[in-house]
């Protein structure tokens, strides 16, 4: 399966390098850092520079096609978002497992704050981290 055409259409020029980055992000399935994704691309034999990986990931975030969280060390981790709807995850601090969580209450609260304040185009970031059952029992 190739990289989704709509993802590439949203982030600018369609190039083989950008296609490789999007495909690798989709294939990874979970959250991954730009350097780790670059390493995956190198192993696959793709000739993609680290700057291209960073720019493509940033463009995907801006287009609403990737979610981003920070790990304990502050590194930005990215996950492909197959649908444009904003999502929240619970991330294991030890192994990196991510679980999609129901965040309807957060979304309602953010909309209410925007309405009351008169702000428009309000964005928010909610990061939930903990230890998954497997890591907690280790």
N, C-alpha and C. Protein backbone atom coordinates (compact mmCIF):
# COMPACT_ATOMS: atom_id res chain seq x y z
N UNK A 1 0.85 -1.18 0.00
CA UNK A 1 0.00 0.00 0.00
C UNK A 1 0.89 1.23 0.00
N UNK A 2 0.70 2.16 -0.91
CA UNK A 2 1.50 3.38 -0.98
C UNK A 2 1.04 4.39 0.05
N UNK A 3 1.83 5.46 0.17
CA UNK A 3 1.44 6.54 1.09
C UNK A 3 0.15 7.16 0.60
N UNK A 4 -0.77 7.47 1.51
CA UNK A 4 -2.05 8.04 1.10
C UNK A 4 -1.86 9.34 0.33
N UNK A 5 -2.49 9.38 -0.82
CA UNK A 5 -2.36 10.54 -1.70
C UNK A 5 -2.83 11.81 -1.02
N UNK A 6 -3.89 11.73 -0.20
CA UNK A 6 -4.39 12.96 0.43
C UNK A 6 -3.38 13.51 1.43
N UNK A 7 -2.61 12.67 2.12
CA UNK A 7 -1.57 13.16 3.02
C UNK A 7 -0.54 13.96 2.23
N UNK A 8 -0.10 13.41 1.12
CA UNK A 8 0.93 14.07 0.31
C UNK A 8 0.40 15.34 -0.32
N UNK A 9 -0.86 15.34 -0.72
CA UNK A 9 -1.45 16.53 -1.32
C UNK A 9 -1.53 17.68 -0.31
N UNK A 10 -1.68 17.35 0.96
CA UNK A 10 -1.83 18.37 2.00
C UNK A 10 -0.50 19.01 2.41
N UNK A 11 0.61 18.35 2.13
CA UNK A 11 1.89 18.83 2.66
C UNK A 11 2.83 19.41 1.62
N UNK A 12 2.35 19.69 0.44
CA UNK A 12 3.21 20.34 -0.55
C UNK A 12 3.62 19.40 -1.66
N UNK A 13 4.82 19.68 -2.17
CA UNK A 13 5.31 18.90 -3.31
C UNK A 13 5.33 17.42 -3.03
N UNK A 14 4.90 16.66 -4.00
CA UNK A 14 4.90 15.21 -3.89
C UNK A 14 6.25 14.72 -4.43
N UNK A 15 7.09 14.23 -3.53
CA UNK A 15 8.40 13.72 -3.92
C UNK A 15 8.56 12.29 -3.42
N UNK A 16 9.52 11.59 -3.97
CA UNK A 16 9.79 10.22 -3.53
C UNK A 16 10.23 10.21 -2.07
N UNK A 17 10.99 11.23 -1.67
CA UNK A 17 11.47 11.29 -0.29
C UNK A 17 10.31 11.48 0.68
N UNK A 18 9.43 12.42 0.37
CA UNK A 18 8.28 12.65 1.25
C UNK A 18 7.38 11.42 1.29
N UNK A 19 7.21 10.78 0.16
CA UNK A 19 6.41 9.56 0.12
C UNK A 19 7.02 8.50 1.03
N UNK A 20 8.35 8.37 1.00
CA UNK A 20 9.03 7.40 1.86
C UNK A 20 8.83 7.71 3.33
N UNK A 21 8.90 8.99 3.70
CA UNK A 21 8.72 9.38 5.10
C UNK A 21 7.30 9.06 5.56
N UNK A 22 6.31 9.44 4.77
CA UNK A 22 4.91 9.18 5.15
C UNK A 22 4.67 7.68 5.26
N UNK A 23 5.17 6.91 4.30
CA UNK A 23 4.99 5.46 4.32
C UNK A 23 5.63 4.86 5.58
N UNK A 24 6.84 5.30 5.92
CA UNK A 24 7.53 4.77 7.10
C UNK A 24 6.78 5.13 8.38
N UNK A 25 6.23 6.33 8.44
CA UNK A 25 5.46 6.74 9.62
C UNK A 25 4.20 5.89 9.76
N UNK A 26 3.52 5.66 8.67
CA UNK A 26 2.31 4.83 8.69
C UNK A 26 2.67 3.41 9.10
N UNK A 27 3.74 2.87 8.50
CA UNK A 27 4.14 1.49 8.81
C UNK A 27 4.55 1.32 10.26
N UNK A 28 5.15 2.35 10.85
CA UNK A 28 5.59 2.25 12.24
C UNK A 28 4.41 2.01 13.16
N UNK A 29 3.32 2.69 12.93
CA UNK A 29 2.09 2.46 13.68
C UNK A 29 1.97 3.20 15.00
N UNK A 30 3.06 3.41 15.70
CA UNK A 30 3.02 4.10 16.97
C UNK A 30 3.77 5.41 16.90
N UNK A 31 4.08 5.96 18.05
CA UNK A 31 4.85 7.20 18.09
C UNK A 31 6.32 6.89 17.85
N UNK A 32 6.98 7.76 17.11
CA UNK A 32 8.39 7.57 16.77
C UNK A 32 9.05 8.93 16.61
N UNK A 33 10.30 9.02 17.00
CA UNK A 33 11.06 10.24 16.83
C UNK A 33 11.58 10.37 15.41
N UNK A 34 11.91 11.59 15.02
CA UNK A 34 12.39 11.84 13.66
C UNK A 34 13.69 11.09 13.37
N UNK A 35 14.61 11.07 14.31
CA UNK A 35 15.89 10.37 14.10
C UNK A 35 15.67 8.86 13.95
N UNK A 36 14.81 8.30 14.78
CA UNK A 36 14.52 6.87 14.68
C UNK A 36 13.85 6.55 13.35
N UNK A 37 12.96 7.42 12.90
CA UNK A 37 12.30 7.22 11.61
C UNK A 37 13.33 7.32 10.48
N UNK A 38 14.26 8.26 10.61
CA UNK A 38 15.34 8.40 9.63
C UNK A 38 16.17 7.12 9.58
N UNK A 39 16.45 6.53 10.74
CA UNK A 39 17.21 5.27 10.78
C UNK A 39 16.46 4.15 10.06
N UNK A 40 15.13 4.09 10.24
CA UNK A 40 14.31 3.09 9.54
C UNK A 40 14.44 3.29 8.03
N UNK A 41 14.38 4.54 7.61
CA UNK A 41 14.48 4.83 6.17
C UNK A 41 15.85 4.41 5.62
N UNK A 42 16.90 4.65 6.38
CA UNK A 42 18.24 4.24 5.94
C UNK A 42 18.33 2.73 5.79
N UNK A 43 17.78 2.01 6.76
CA UNK A 43 17.79 0.54 6.69
C UNK A 43 17.04 0.06 5.45
N UNK A 44 15.98 0.75 5.10
CA UNK A 44 15.19 0.39 3.91
C UNK A 44 15.90 0.78 2.60
N UNK A 45 16.99 1.54 2.73
CA UNK A 45 17.72 1.96 1.53
C UNK A 45 17.19 3.24 0.92
N UNK A 46 16.29 3.92 1.61
CA UNK A 46 15.74 5.17 1.09
C UNK A 46 16.77 6.28 1.27
N UNK A 47 16.95 7.08 0.27
CA UNK A 47 17.89 8.20 0.33
C UNK A 47 17.12 9.46 0.71
N UNK A 48 16.94 9.61 2.02
CA UNK A 48 16.18 10.74 2.56
C UNK A 48 17.01 11.37 3.66
N UNK A 49 17.21 12.67 3.56
CA UNK A 49 17.97 13.38 4.58
C UNK A 49 17.16 13.60 5.84
N UNK A 50 17.86 13.75 6.95
CA UNK A 50 17.20 13.98 8.23
C UNK A 50 16.38 15.27 8.20
N UNK A 51 16.88 16.31 7.54
CA UNK A 51 16.11 17.55 7.44
C UNK A 51 14.79 17.33 6.71
N UNK A 52 14.80 16.49 5.69
CA UNK A 52 13.57 16.19 4.96
C UNK A 52 12.58 15.45 5.86
N UNK A 53 13.09 14.56 6.71
CA UNK A 53 12.22 13.86 7.66
C UNK A 53 11.57 14.88 8.60
N UNK A 54 12.39 15.76 9.17
CA UNK A 54 11.84 16.78 10.09
C UNK A 54 10.81 17.67 9.38
N UNK A 55 11.13 18.15 8.19
CA UNK A 55 10.20 19.03 7.47
C UNK A 55 8.91 18.32 7.11
N UNK A 56 9.01 17.06 6.70
CA UNK A 56 7.81 16.31 6.32
C UNK A 56 6.94 16.05 7.54
N UNK A 57 7.55 15.68 8.66
CA UNK A 57 6.78 15.46 9.89
C UNK A 57 6.10 16.75 10.35
N UNK A 58 6.82 17.86 10.30
CA UNK A 58 6.23 19.15 10.69
C UNK A 58 5.07 19.51 9.78
N UNK A 59 5.21 19.25 8.49
CA UNK A 59 4.13 19.54 7.54
C UNK A 59 2.92 18.66 7.81
N UNK A 60 3.15 17.39 8.17
CA UNK A 60 2.04 16.50 8.50
C UNK A 60 1.30 16.98 9.75
N UNK A 61 2.05 17.43 10.75
CA UNK A 61 1.42 17.97 11.97
C UNK A 61 0.59 19.20 11.63
N UNK A 62 1.18 20.12 10.85
CA UNK A 62 0.47 21.35 10.46
C UNK A 62 -0.80 21.04 9.67
N UNK A 63 -0.77 19.97 8.87
CA UNK A 63 -1.92 19.60 8.06
C UNK A 63 -2.93 18.75 8.84
N UNK A 64 -2.62 18.45 10.10
CA UNK A 64 -3.53 17.63 10.90
C UNK A 64 -3.46 16.16 10.58
N UNK A 65 -2.37 15.71 9.98
CA UNK A 65 -2.24 14.31 9.60
C UNK A 65 -1.22 13.54 10.44
N UNK A 66 -0.72 14.19 11.50
CA UNK A 66 0.16 13.51 12.46
C UNK A 66 -0.07 14.13 13.83
N UNK A 67 -0.02 13.28 14.84
CA UNK A 67 -0.08 13.73 16.22
C UNK A 67 1.34 13.79 16.75
N UNK A 68 1.57 14.67 17.71
CA UNK A 68 2.91 14.79 18.29
C UNK A 68 2.79 14.87 19.81
N UNK A 69 3.68 14.15 20.48
CA UNK A 69 3.81 14.20 21.94
C UNK A 69 5.29 14.33 22.25
N UNK A 70 5.60 14.63 23.49
CA UNK A 70 7.01 14.69 23.91
C UNK A 70 7.29 13.55 24.89
N UNK A 71 8.46 12.94 24.73
CA UNK A 71 8.84 11.91 25.68
C UNK A 71 9.46 12.55 26.92
N UNK A 72 9.90 11.76 27.86
CA UNK A 72 10.44 12.29 29.12
C UNK A 72 11.64 13.19 28.90
N UNK A 73 12.41 12.92 27.85
CA UNK A 73 13.59 13.73 27.56
C UNK A 73 13.28 14.97 26.74
N UNK A 74 12.02 15.14 26.36
CA UNK A 74 11.62 16.32 25.60
C UNK A 74 11.61 16.11 24.09
N UNK A 75 12.01 14.91 23.63
CA UNK A 75 12.00 14.66 22.19
C UNK A 75 10.57 14.60 21.68
N UNK A 76 10.36 15.20 20.53
CA UNK A 76 9.05 15.13 19.89
C UNK A 76 8.89 13.79 19.20
N UNK A 77 7.77 13.12 19.48
CA UNK A 77 7.45 11.84 18.88
C UNK A 77 6.21 12.02 18.02
N UNK A 78 6.19 11.39 16.86
CA UNK A 78 5.13 11.58 15.88
C UNK A 78 4.41 10.27 15.61
N UNK A 79 3.12 10.38 15.33
CA UNK A 79 2.30 9.24 14.96
C UNK A 79 1.37 9.68 13.84
N UNK A 80 1.25 8.85 12.82
CA UNK A 80 0.36 9.18 11.71
C UNK A 80 -1.08 9.24 12.21
N UNK A 81 -1.81 10.23 11.74
CA UNK A 81 -3.23 10.37 12.06
C UNK A 81 -4.00 10.07 10.78
N UNK A 82 -4.64 8.91 10.69
CA UNK A 82 -5.32 8.54 9.45
C UNK A 82 -6.54 9.39 9.11
N UNK A 83 -7.09 10.03 10.13
CA UNK A 83 -8.26 10.87 9.92
C UNK A 83 -7.95 12.25 10.47
N UNK A 84 -8.57 13.29 9.93
CA UNK A 84 -8.22 14.64 10.37
C UNK A 84 -8.68 15.01 11.78
N UNK A 85 -9.48 14.18 12.43
CA UNK A 85 -9.97 14.50 13.76
C UNK A 85 -8.81 14.48 14.76
N UNK A 86 -8.82 15.46 15.64
CA UNK A 86 -7.83 15.58 16.71
C UNK A 86 -8.00 14.41 17.68
N UNK A 87 -6.90 13.80 18.12
CA UNK A 87 -6.97 12.67 19.04
C UNK A 87 -5.99 12.85 20.19
N UNK A 88 -6.24 12.12 21.28
CA UNK A 88 -5.34 12.13 22.43
C UNK A 88 -4.95 10.70 22.77
N UNK A 89 -3.75 10.56 23.34
CA UNK A 89 -3.21 9.24 23.64
C UNK A 89 -2.69 9.19 25.07
N UNK A 90 -2.67 7.99 25.61
CA UNK A 90 -1.98 7.69 26.86
C UNK A 90 -0.70 6.97 26.44
N UNK A 91 0.44 7.51 26.85
CA UNK A 91 1.73 7.02 26.39
C UNK A 91 2.51 6.42 27.54
N UNK A 92 3.00 5.19 27.37
CA UNK A 92 3.82 4.55 28.39
C UNK A 92 5.20 5.19 28.39
N UNK A 93 5.63 5.68 29.54
CA UNK A 93 6.94 6.33 29.67
C UNK A 93 8.08 5.35 29.52
N UNK A 94 7.85 4.07 29.74
CA UNK A 94 8.93 3.10 29.70
C UNK A 94 9.12 2.50 28.30
N UNK A 95 8.04 2.00 27.71
CA UNK A 95 8.19 1.28 26.43
C UNK A 95 7.66 2.05 25.22
N UNK A 96 6.93 3.13 25.45
CA UNK A 96 6.41 3.93 24.35
C UNK A 96 5.07 3.49 23.81
N UNK A 97 4.48 2.45 24.38
CA UNK A 97 3.14 2.02 23.95
C UNK A 97 2.19 3.20 24.01
N UNK A 98 1.37 3.37 22.99
CA UNK A 98 0.39 4.44 23.01
C UNK A 98 -1.01 3.86 22.82
N UNK A 99 -1.94 4.41 23.58
CA UNK A 99 -3.32 3.96 23.55
C UNK A 99 -4.20 5.18 23.32
N UNK A 100 -5.05 5.11 22.32
CA UNK A 100 -6.01 6.17 22.05
C UNK A 100 -7.00 6.25 23.20
N UNK A 101 -7.28 7.47 23.69
CA UNK A 101 -8.21 7.63 24.80
C UNK A 101 -9.39 8.50 24.39
N UNK A 102 -10.51 8.26 25.03
CA UNK A 102 -11.70 9.08 24.82
C UNK A 102 -11.45 10.43 25.47
N UNK A 103 -11.51 11.47 24.69
CA UNK A 103 -11.21 12.80 25.22
C UNK A 103 -12.33 13.80 24.96
N UNK A 104 -13.54 13.29 24.87
CA UNK A 104 -14.69 14.16 24.59
C UNK A 104 -14.81 15.28 25.63
N UNK A 105 -14.57 14.97 26.90
CA UNK A 105 -14.69 15.99 27.95
C UNK A 105 -13.67 17.10 27.75
N UNK A 106 -12.47 16.75 27.33
CA UNK A 106 -11.42 17.76 27.07
C UNK A 106 -11.83 18.65 25.91
N UNK A 107 -12.37 18.05 24.86
CA UNK A 107 -12.77 18.82 23.68
C UNK A 107 -13.91 19.78 24.01
N UNK A 108 -14.86 19.32 24.80
CA UNK A 108 -15.98 20.18 25.20
C UNK A 108 -15.46 21.33 26.06
N UNK A 109 -14.58 21.03 27.01
CA UNK A 109 -13.99 22.06 27.86
C UNK A 109 -13.24 23.10 27.01
N UNK A 110 -12.43 22.65 26.05
CA UNK A 110 -11.66 23.58 25.22
C UNK A 110 -12.59 24.49 24.40
N UNK A 111 -13.67 23.92 23.88
CA UNK A 111 -14.64 24.73 23.13
C UNK A 111 -15.30 25.76 24.04
N UNK A 112 -15.65 25.36 25.26
CA UNK A 112 -16.30 26.27 26.20
C UNK A 112 -15.36 27.42 26.58
N UNK A 113 -14.09 27.11 26.84
CA UNK A 113 -13.10 28.14 27.16
C UNK A 113 -12.96 29.12 26.00
N UNK A 114 -12.92 28.61 24.79
CA UNK A 114 -12.82 29.47 23.62
C UNK A 114 -14.04 30.38 23.50
N UNK A 115 -15.22 29.82 23.68
CA UNK A 115 -16.45 30.61 23.59
C UNK A 115 -16.49 31.71 24.64
N UNK A 116 -16.18 31.35 25.87
CA UNK A 116 -16.25 32.32 26.97
C UNK A 116 -15.21 33.43 26.80
N UNK A 117 -14.05 33.07 26.31
CA UNK A 117 -12.96 34.05 26.19
C UNK A 117 -13.06 34.89 24.92
N UNK A 118 -13.86 34.42 23.95
CA UNK A 118 -13.96 35.12 22.68
C UNK A 118 -12.83 34.79 21.73
N UNK A 119 -11.98 33.85 22.10
CA UNK A 119 -10.87 33.46 21.22
C UNK A 119 -11.39 32.61 20.07
N UNK A 120 -10.67 32.65 18.96
CA UNK A 120 -10.99 31.82 17.79
C UNK A 120 -9.79 30.95 17.47
N UNK A 121 -10.03 29.88 16.75
CA UNK A 121 -8.98 28.96 16.31
C UNK A 121 -8.11 28.48 17.48
N UNK A 122 -8.77 28.17 18.58
CA UNK A 122 -8.06 27.72 19.78
C UNK A 122 -7.58 26.28 19.57
N UNK A 123 -6.33 26.05 19.90
CA UNK A 123 -5.75 24.72 19.85
C UNK A 123 -5.32 24.34 21.26
N UNK A 124 -5.18 23.05 21.51
CA UNK A 124 -4.74 22.60 22.82
C UNK A 124 -3.89 21.35 22.68
N UNK A 125 -3.11 21.11 23.72
CA UNK A 125 -2.29 19.91 23.80
C UNK A 125 -2.53 19.28 25.16
N UNK A 126 -2.86 18.01 25.15
CA UNK A 126 -3.03 17.25 26.38
C UNK A 126 -2.14 16.02 26.25
N UNK A 127 -1.21 15.88 27.18
CA UNK A 127 -0.32 14.72 27.14
C UNK A 127 -0.52 13.91 28.41
N UNK A 128 -0.90 12.66 28.23
CA UNK A 128 -1.10 11.74 29.34
C UNK A 128 -0.02 10.67 29.26
N UNK A 129 0.74 10.52 30.33
CA UNK A 129 1.78 9.50 30.36
C UNK A 129 1.64 8.68 31.62
N UNK A 130 2.14 7.48 31.57
CA UNK A 130 2.11 6.59 32.73
C UNK A 130 2.90 5.35 32.40
N UNK A 131 2.68 4.31 33.16
CA UNK A 131 3.31 3.02 32.90
C UNK A 131 2.23 2.02 32.51
N UNK A 132 2.43 1.37 31.39
CA UNK A 132 1.46 0.38 30.93
C UNK A 132 1.49 -0.82 31.87
N UNK A 133 0.48 -1.68 31.81
CA UNK A 133 0.44 -2.84 32.71
C UNK A 133 1.71 -3.72 32.63
N UNK A 134 2.24 -3.91 31.41
CA UNK A 134 3.42 -4.76 31.26
C UNK A 134 4.64 -4.14 31.95
N UNK A 135 4.85 -2.83 31.74
CA UNK A 135 6.00 -2.17 32.33
C UNK A 135 5.84 -1.99 33.84
N UNK A 136 4.62 -1.79 34.29
CA UNK A 136 4.36 -1.61 35.72
C UNK A 136 4.68 -2.89 36.49
N UNK A 137 4.46 -4.04 35.87
CA UNK A 137 4.69 -5.30 36.57
C UNK A 137 6.14 -5.78 36.45
N UNK A 138 6.94 -5.10 35.66
CA UNK A 138 8.35 -5.51 35.49
C UNK A 138 9.21 -5.07 36.63
